[in-house]
N, C-alpha and C. Protein backbone atom coordinates (compact mmCIF):
# COMPACT_ATOMS: atom_id res chain seq x y z
N MET A 1 6.96 -5.81 -48.51
CA MET A 1 8.69 -6.30 -47.67
C MET A 1 8.52 -7.42 -47.63
N LYS A 2 9.19 -8.63 -47.60
CA LYS A 2 9.40 -9.84 -47.17
C LYS A 2 10.42 -9.91 -45.87
N ASN A 3 9.98 -10.78 -45.39
CA ASN A 3 10.30 -11.07 -43.57
C ASN A 3 11.82 -12.14 -43.94
N TYR A 4 12.58 -12.49 -45.29
CA TYR A 4 13.56 -12.79 -45.62
C TYR A 4 14.37 -12.68 -46.79
N SER A 5 15.68 -12.99 -46.71
CA SER A 5 15.97 -12.64 -47.97
C SER A 5 17.13 -13.58 -48.40
N LYS A 6 17.34 -13.91 -49.31
CA LYS A 6 18.24 -15.06 -49.91
C LYS A 6 19.42 -14.94 -50.74
N VAL A 7 20.45 -15.30 -50.72
CA VAL A 7 21.64 -14.91 -51.68
C VAL A 7 22.20 -16.48 -52.47
N ASN A 8 22.89 -16.43 -53.36
CA ASN A 8 23.38 -18.18 -53.68
C ASN A 8 24.82 -17.53 -53.51
N VAL A 9 25.92 -17.72 -53.19
CA VAL A 9 27.71 -17.92 -53.97
C VAL A 9 28.25 -18.59 -54.05
N ASN A 10 27.57 -19.97 -54.55
CA ASN A 10 28.64 -20.97 -55.39
C ASN A 10 29.54 -20.31 -55.78
N GLY A 11 30.91 -20.44 -55.98
CA GLY A 11 31.56 -20.74 -56.48
C GLY A 11 32.70 -19.32 -56.68
N THR A 12 32.26 -18.47 -54.92
CA THR A 12 32.87 -17.54 -54.81
C THR A 12 33.97 -17.59 -54.02
N ASP A 13 35.16 -17.03 -53.97
CA ASP A 13 36.45 -17.25 -53.28
C ASP A 13 36.15 -16.59 -51.83
N ARG A 14 35.87 -15.29 -51.62
CA ARG A 14 35.08 -14.70 -50.29
C ARG A 14 34.36 -14.17 -50.72
N VAL A 15 32.87 -13.35 -49.76
CA VAL A 15 31.60 -13.12 -49.86
C VAL A 15 31.61 -12.60 -48.54
N GLU A 16 31.03 -11.26 -48.18
CA GLU A 16 30.95 -10.99 -47.12
C GLU A 16 29.68 -11.04 -47.44
N LEU A 17 28.33 -11.62 -46.68
CA LEU A 17 26.84 -11.42 -46.87
C LEU A 17 25.93 -10.40 -46.09
N HIS A 18 26.63 -9.32 -44.94
CA HIS A 18 26.48 -7.48 -44.13
C HIS A 18 25.74 -7.40 -44.94
N ASP A 19 25.67 -6.90 -45.89
CA ASP A 19 25.27 -5.97 -47.74
C ASP A 19 24.04 -6.87 -48.35
N MET A 20 24.02 -8.15 -48.08
CA MET A 20 23.80 -8.86 -49.21
C MET A 20 22.43 -9.54 -48.34
N LEU A 21 22.62 -9.59 -47.16
CA LEU A 21 21.42 -9.90 -46.85
C LEU A 21 20.57 -8.82 -46.35
N GLY A 22 21.45 -8.17 -45.40
CA GLY A 22 20.32 -6.88 -44.83
C GLY A 22 20.88 -7.66 -43.50
N LEU A 23 21.94 -7.52 -42.98
CA LEU A 23 22.20 -8.53 -41.88
C LEU A 23 22.69 -7.33 -41.16
N THR A 24 21.21 -7.18 -39.73
CA THR A 24 21.66 -6.35 -38.51
C THR A 24 22.34 -6.65 -37.29
N GLY A 25 22.36 -8.12 -36.85
CA GLY A 25 23.07 -7.86 -35.06
C GLY A 25 24.59 -8.68 -35.93
N ALA A 26 24.76 -9.51 -36.88
CA ALA A 26 26.05 -9.90 -37.29
C ALA A 26 26.48 -10.04 -38.60
N GLU A 27 28.17 -10.53 -39.11
CA GLU A 27 28.55 -10.75 -40.19
C GLU A 27 29.09 -12.10 -40.47
N VAL A 28 28.36 -12.64 -42.17
CA VAL A 28 28.82 -13.65 -41.85
C VAL A 28 29.67 -13.60 -43.45
N SER A 29 31.10 -14.53 -43.36
CA SER A 29 31.84 -14.56 -44.66
C SER A 29 31.77 -15.89 -44.90
N VAL A 30 31.57 -16.41 -46.13
CA VAL A 30 31.87 -17.65 -46.86
C VAL A 30 33.03 -17.32 -47.56
N ASN A 31 34.20 -18.22 -47.13
CA ASN A 31 35.03 -17.80 -47.72
C ASN A 31 36.02 -19.69 -48.21
N TYR A 32 37.20 -19.16 -49.56
CA TYR A 32 37.93 -20.63 -49.78
C TYR A 32 39.38 -19.82 -49.67
N MET A 33 40.18 -20.75 -49.91
CA MET A 33 41.72 -20.94 -49.82
C MET A 33 42.33 -22.23 -49.90
N PRO A 34 43.38 -21.64 -51.15
CA PRO A 34 43.74 -22.69 -52.47
C PRO A 34 44.69 -23.80 -51.23
N ALA A 35 45.14 -24.47 -50.65
CA ALA A 35 46.55 -24.98 -50.55
C ALA A 35 47.69 -23.82 -49.90
N GLY A 36 48.05 -23.94 -49.69
CA GLY A 36 49.04 -22.69 -49.00
C GLY A 36 48.93 -22.01 -48.67
N ALA A 37 47.74 -21.05 -48.85
CA ALA A 37 47.74 -19.47 -48.88
C ALA A 37 47.10 -18.82 -48.00
N GLY A 38 47.49 -18.14 -47.34
CA GLY A 38 46.78 -17.32 -45.72
C GLY A 38 46.29 -16.13 -46.21
N VAL A 39 45.51 -16.06 -44.98
CA VAL A 39 45.39 -14.13 -44.17
C VAL A 39 46.30 -13.59 -44.53
N PRO A 40 46.65 -12.37 -45.65
CA PRO A 40 47.64 -11.81 -45.77
C PRO A 40 48.44 -10.70 -44.01
N PHE A 41 47.60 -11.12 -42.89
CA PHE A 41 47.72 -9.87 -41.71
C PHE A 41 47.10 -10.49 -40.68
N VAL A 42 48.02 -10.45 -40.04
CA VAL A 42 47.06 -10.60 -38.22
C VAL A 42 46.06 -9.66 -38.25
N HIS A 43 45.04 -9.78 -38.01
CA HIS A 43 44.24 -9.01 -37.06
C HIS A 43 43.78 -9.30 -35.93
N ALA A 44 42.68 -7.80 -35.11
CA ALA A 44 42.54 -8.34 -33.85
C ALA A 44 40.36 -7.62 -34.09
N HIS A 45 40.37 -7.35 -33.09
CA HIS A 45 38.51 -6.41 -33.62
C HIS A 45 38.78 -6.06 -32.09
N LYS A 46 38.05 -4.95 -31.99
CA LYS A 46 37.35 -3.99 -31.49
C LYS A 46 36.58 -4.34 -30.60
N GLN A 47 35.30 -5.23 -30.79
CA GLN A 47 34.23 -5.75 -30.09
C GLN A 47 33.72 -6.72 -30.76
N ASN A 48 34.05 -7.46 -32.04
CA ASN A 48 33.36 -8.88 -32.26
C ASN A 48 34.39 -9.63 -31.82
N GLU A 49 33.17 -10.85 -31.89
CA GLU A 49 34.61 -12.31 -31.69
C GLU A 49 33.60 -12.81 -32.93
N GLU A 50 34.39 -13.90 -33.25
CA GLU A 50 34.52 -14.24 -34.69
C GLU A 50 34.50 -15.85 -34.28
N ILE A 51 33.68 -16.61 -34.81
CA ILE A 51 33.25 -18.29 -35.05
C ILE A 51 34.21 -18.61 -36.60
N TYR A 52 34.34 -19.09 -36.83
CA TYR A 52 35.30 -20.18 -37.54
C TYR A 52 34.59 -21.02 -37.85
N ILE A 53 34.14 -21.78 -38.88
CA ILE A 53 33.25 -23.03 -38.87
C ILE A 53 33.86 -23.13 -40.56
N ILE A 54 34.51 -24.45 -39.77
CA ILE A 54 35.78 -25.41 -41.07
C ILE A 54 34.17 -25.89 -41.85
N LEU A 55 34.35 -26.10 -43.25
CA LEU A 55 33.58 -26.84 -44.31
C LEU A 55 33.81 -27.96 -45.11
N GLU A 56 35.37 -27.31 -45.32
CA GLU A 56 36.00 -28.90 -45.78
C GLU A 56 37.87 -28.46 -45.79
N GLY A 57 37.83 -29.25 -46.40
CA GLY A 57 39.68 -28.63 -45.99
C GLY A 57 39.98 -29.13 -44.55
N LYS A 58 41.62 -28.14 -44.75
CA LYS A 58 42.16 -28.01 -42.90
C LYS A 58 42.93 -27.07 -43.59
N GLY A 59 43.58 -26.83 -42.11
CA GLY A 59 44.92 -25.59 -42.04
C GLY A 59 44.83 -25.25 -40.47
N CYS A 60 45.23 -24.08 -40.24
CA CYS A 60 45.69 -23.83 -38.88
C CYS A 60 45.26 -21.61 -38.62
N MET A 61 45.07 -21.69 -36.71
CA MET A 61 44.93 -20.88 -37.26
C MET A 61 45.59 -20.41 -36.05
N GLU A 62 46.84 -19.34 -36.09
CA GLU A 62 47.55 -18.41 -34.95
C GLU A 62 46.92 -17.49 -34.09
N ILE A 63 46.36 -17.83 -33.12
CA ILE A 63 45.98 -16.86 -32.09
C ILE A 63 46.65 -16.38 -30.74
N ASP A 64 47.15 -15.64 -30.30
CA ASP A 64 48.20 -15.34 -29.66
C ASP A 64 49.75 -15.93 -29.23
N GLY A 65 50.02 -15.58 -30.86
CA GLY A 65 51.30 -16.62 -30.91
C GLY A 65 51.49 -18.14 -30.80
N GLU A 66 49.90 -18.86 -30.63
CA GLU A 66 49.88 -20.75 -30.89
C GLU A 66 48.95 -21.15 -31.66
N LYS A 67 49.55 -21.52 -32.01
CA LYS A 67 49.04 -22.79 -33.97
C LYS A 67 47.26 -23.52 -32.95
N VAL A 68 47.10 -23.39 -33.78
CA VAL A 68 45.38 -24.24 -33.34
C VAL A 68 45.46 -25.17 -35.01
N GLU A 69 45.27 -26.32 -35.05
CA GLU A 69 45.09 -26.73 -35.96
C GLU A 69 43.78 -26.87 -36.23
N LEU A 70 42.73 -26.81 -37.46
CA LEU A 70 41.86 -26.82 -38.33
C LEU A 70 41.11 -28.05 -39.15
N ALA A 71 40.56 -28.64 -38.80
CA ALA A 71 39.73 -29.39 -40.02
C ALA A 71 37.78 -28.97 -40.43
N ALA A 72 37.81 -29.85 -41.42
CA ALA A 72 36.19 -30.12 -41.72
C ALA A 72 35.59 -30.28 -39.88
N ASN A 73 34.20 -30.02 -40.30
CA ASN A 73 33.41 -29.62 -38.85
C ASN A 73 33.84 -29.54 -37.74
N ASP A 74 35.45 -28.80 -37.63
CA ASP A 74 35.55 -27.87 -36.49
C ASP A 74 34.63 -26.99 -36.91
N PHE A 75 34.60 -26.02 -35.74
CA PHE A 75 34.25 -24.52 -34.11
C PHE A 75 35.28 -24.01 -33.71
N LEU A 76 35.35 -22.98 -34.19
CA LEU A 76 36.60 -22.17 -33.48
C LEU A 76 35.88 -20.96 -33.44
N ARG A 77 35.38 -20.20 -31.82
CA ARG A 77 36.03 -19.38 -31.35
C ARG A 77 37.35 -18.31 -30.95
N VAL A 78 36.95 -17.01 -31.70
CA VAL A 78 38.55 -16.55 -31.33
C VAL A 78 37.45 -15.11 -30.55
N SER A 79 38.13 -15.01 -29.24
CA SER A 79 37.89 -13.61 -28.41
C SER A 79 38.65 -12.55 -29.08
N PRO A 80 37.51 -11.23 -28.81
CA PRO A 80 37.59 -10.20 -29.53
C PRO A 80 39.18 -9.66 -29.99
N GLU A 81 40.04 -9.41 -28.57
CA GLU A 81 41.47 -8.42 -28.47
C GLU A 81 41.78 -9.84 -28.86
N ALA A 82 42.07 -11.09 -29.46
CA ALA A 82 42.99 -12.41 -29.70
C ALA A 82 43.47 -11.52 -31.79
N ASN A 83 44.81 -11.65 -31.17
CA ASN A 83 45.54 -11.67 -32.45
C ASN A 83 45.80 -13.21 -33.29
N ARG A 84 45.27 -12.90 -34.51
CA ARG A 84 45.10 -14.18 -35.09
C ARG A 84 44.72 -13.72 -36.61
N GLN A 85 45.58 -14.62 -37.37
CA GLN A 85 46.02 -14.99 -38.86
C GLN A 85 45.58 -16.41 -38.89
N LEU A 86 44.94 -17.03 -40.32
CA LEU A 86 44.27 -18.18 -40.77
C LEU A 86 44.98 -18.72 -42.09
N PHE A 87 45.68 -20.25 -42.00
CA PHE A 87 46.20 -20.44 -43.33
C PHE A 87 45.51 -22.18 -43.64
N ALA A 88 45.39 -21.70 -44.90
CA ALA A 88 45.41 -23.55 -45.19
C ALA A 88 46.16 -24.55 -45.25
N ALA A 89 46.58 -25.64 -45.61
CA ALA A 89 46.49 -26.00 -45.14
C ALA A 89 47.47 -26.28 -46.14
N GLU A 90 49.50 -26.84 -46.06
CA GLU A 90 50.16 -27.00 -47.47
C GLU A 90 49.12 -27.90 -48.60
N ASP A 91 48.90 -28.61 -47.94
CA ASP A 91 48.61 -30.12 -48.62
C ASP A 91 47.18 -29.83 -49.07
N SER A 92 46.75 -28.76 -49.05
CA SER A 92 45.01 -28.55 -48.67
C SER A 92 44.32 -27.34 -48.38
N PRO A 93 43.20 -27.25 -49.62
CA PRO A 93 42.23 -25.99 -49.45
C PRO A 93 41.53 -26.00 -48.39
N ILE A 94 40.98 -24.70 -48.10
CA ILE A 94 40.29 -24.56 -46.75
C ILE A 94 39.26 -23.78 -47.38
N LYS A 95 37.62 -23.91 -47.43
CA LYS A 95 36.75 -23.40 -46.67
C LYS A 95 35.93 -24.03 -45.63
N TYR A 96 35.47 -22.58 -45.36
CA TYR A 96 34.93 -21.36 -43.73
C TYR A 96 34.19 -20.63 -43.80
N LEU A 97 33.43 -20.84 -43.25
CA LEU A 97 32.36 -19.75 -42.31
C LEU A 97 32.74 -18.76 -41.72
N CYS A 98 32.80 -18.03 -41.48
CA CYS A 98 33.30 -16.64 -40.44
C CYS A 98 32.25 -16.03 -39.77
N VAL A 99 31.36 -16.26 -38.69
CA VAL A 99 31.06 -15.13 -38.41
C VAL A 99 30.94 -14.23 -37.21
N GLN A 100 30.76 -12.91 -37.37
CA GLN A 100 31.00 -11.96 -36.28
C GLN A 100 30.01 -11.53 -35.27
N VAL A 101 29.96 -11.37 -34.43
CA VAL A 101 28.94 -10.88 -33.18
C VAL A 101 29.83 -10.18 -32.63
N LYS A 102 29.12 -9.18 -31.38
CA LYS A 102 29.25 -8.46 -30.77
C LYS A 102 29.69 -9.60 -29.30
N ALA A 103 30.41 -9.40 -28.46
CA ALA A 103 31.04 -9.55 -28.08
C ALA A 103 29.78 -9.62 -26.74
N GLY A 104 29.67 -10.45 -26.20
CA GLY A 104 28.68 -10.39 -24.97
C GLY A 104 27.42 -10.03 -25.21
N SER A 105 26.46 -10.01 -26.39
CA SER A 105 25.47 -9.42 -26.84
C SER A 105 24.04 -10.19 -27.09
N LEU A 106 24.67 -11.75 -26.75
CA LEU A 106 23.45 -12.68 -27.15
C LEU A 106 22.52 -12.69 -25.97
N GLU A 107 21.49 -12.85 -26.19
CA GLU A 107 20.96 -11.95 -24.06
C GLU A 107 19.67 -13.38 -24.35
N GLU A 108 19.42 -13.50 -25.29
CA GLU A 108 18.06 -14.56 -25.66
C GLU A 108 18.76 -15.82 -26.74
N TYR A 109 18.34 -16.86 -26.76
CA TYR A 109 18.73 -17.84 -27.83
C TYR A 109 17.83 -18.88 -28.20
N THR A 110 18.15 -19.82 -29.19
CA THR A 110 16.68 -21.24 -30.10
C THR A 110 16.17 -20.76 -29.35
N ALA A 111 15.02 -22.49 -28.22
CA ALA A 111 13.89 -21.98 -27.89
C ALA A 111 13.83 -20.98 -26.98
N ASN A 112 14.72 -20.02 -25.81
CA ASN A 112 14.53 -19.17 -24.87
C ASN A 112 14.06 -17.59 -26.16
N ASP A 113 14.63 -18.03 -27.30
CA ASP A 113 14.02 -16.75 -28.14
C ASP A 113 12.55 -16.84 -28.99
N ALA A 114 12.01 -17.33 -29.00
CA ALA A 114 11.21 -18.28 -30.09
C ALA A 114 10.01 -17.52 -29.58
N VAL A 115 8.85 -17.29 -30.58
CA VAL A 115 7.27 -16.59 -30.46
C VAL A 115 6.31 -17.78 -30.35
N MET A 116 6.09 -18.61 -29.90
CA MET A 116 4.90 -19.04 -30.91
C MET A 116 4.16 -18.46 -31.43
N ALA A 117 3.98 -18.88 -32.83
CA ALA A 117 3.37 -18.25 -34.25
C ALA A 117 1.09 -19.02 -34.22
């Protein structure tokens, strides 16, 4: 068995990578919305914080009634309990990654989690 997994999602409007990659500590989705589109519902989470990574385009996220503008190269963290809804700008599509991880679960990271081989 390999110690890695790989997929290609080119040309997909939305794909969740949890099952495709066998993820065990996070959910990652790749998302594309055309200009003027939006997530069709407001939502929060029970325990997962979300990190939105804007790859292309622009839009906004409404978080607990506050409008947060987003553009390519922005990173946005949203607490689990926050009500959120994402929209592409009227004049621009938006492509982004969304990473979900259990809030408060990170104990080691980067060099602190590395082991010399």
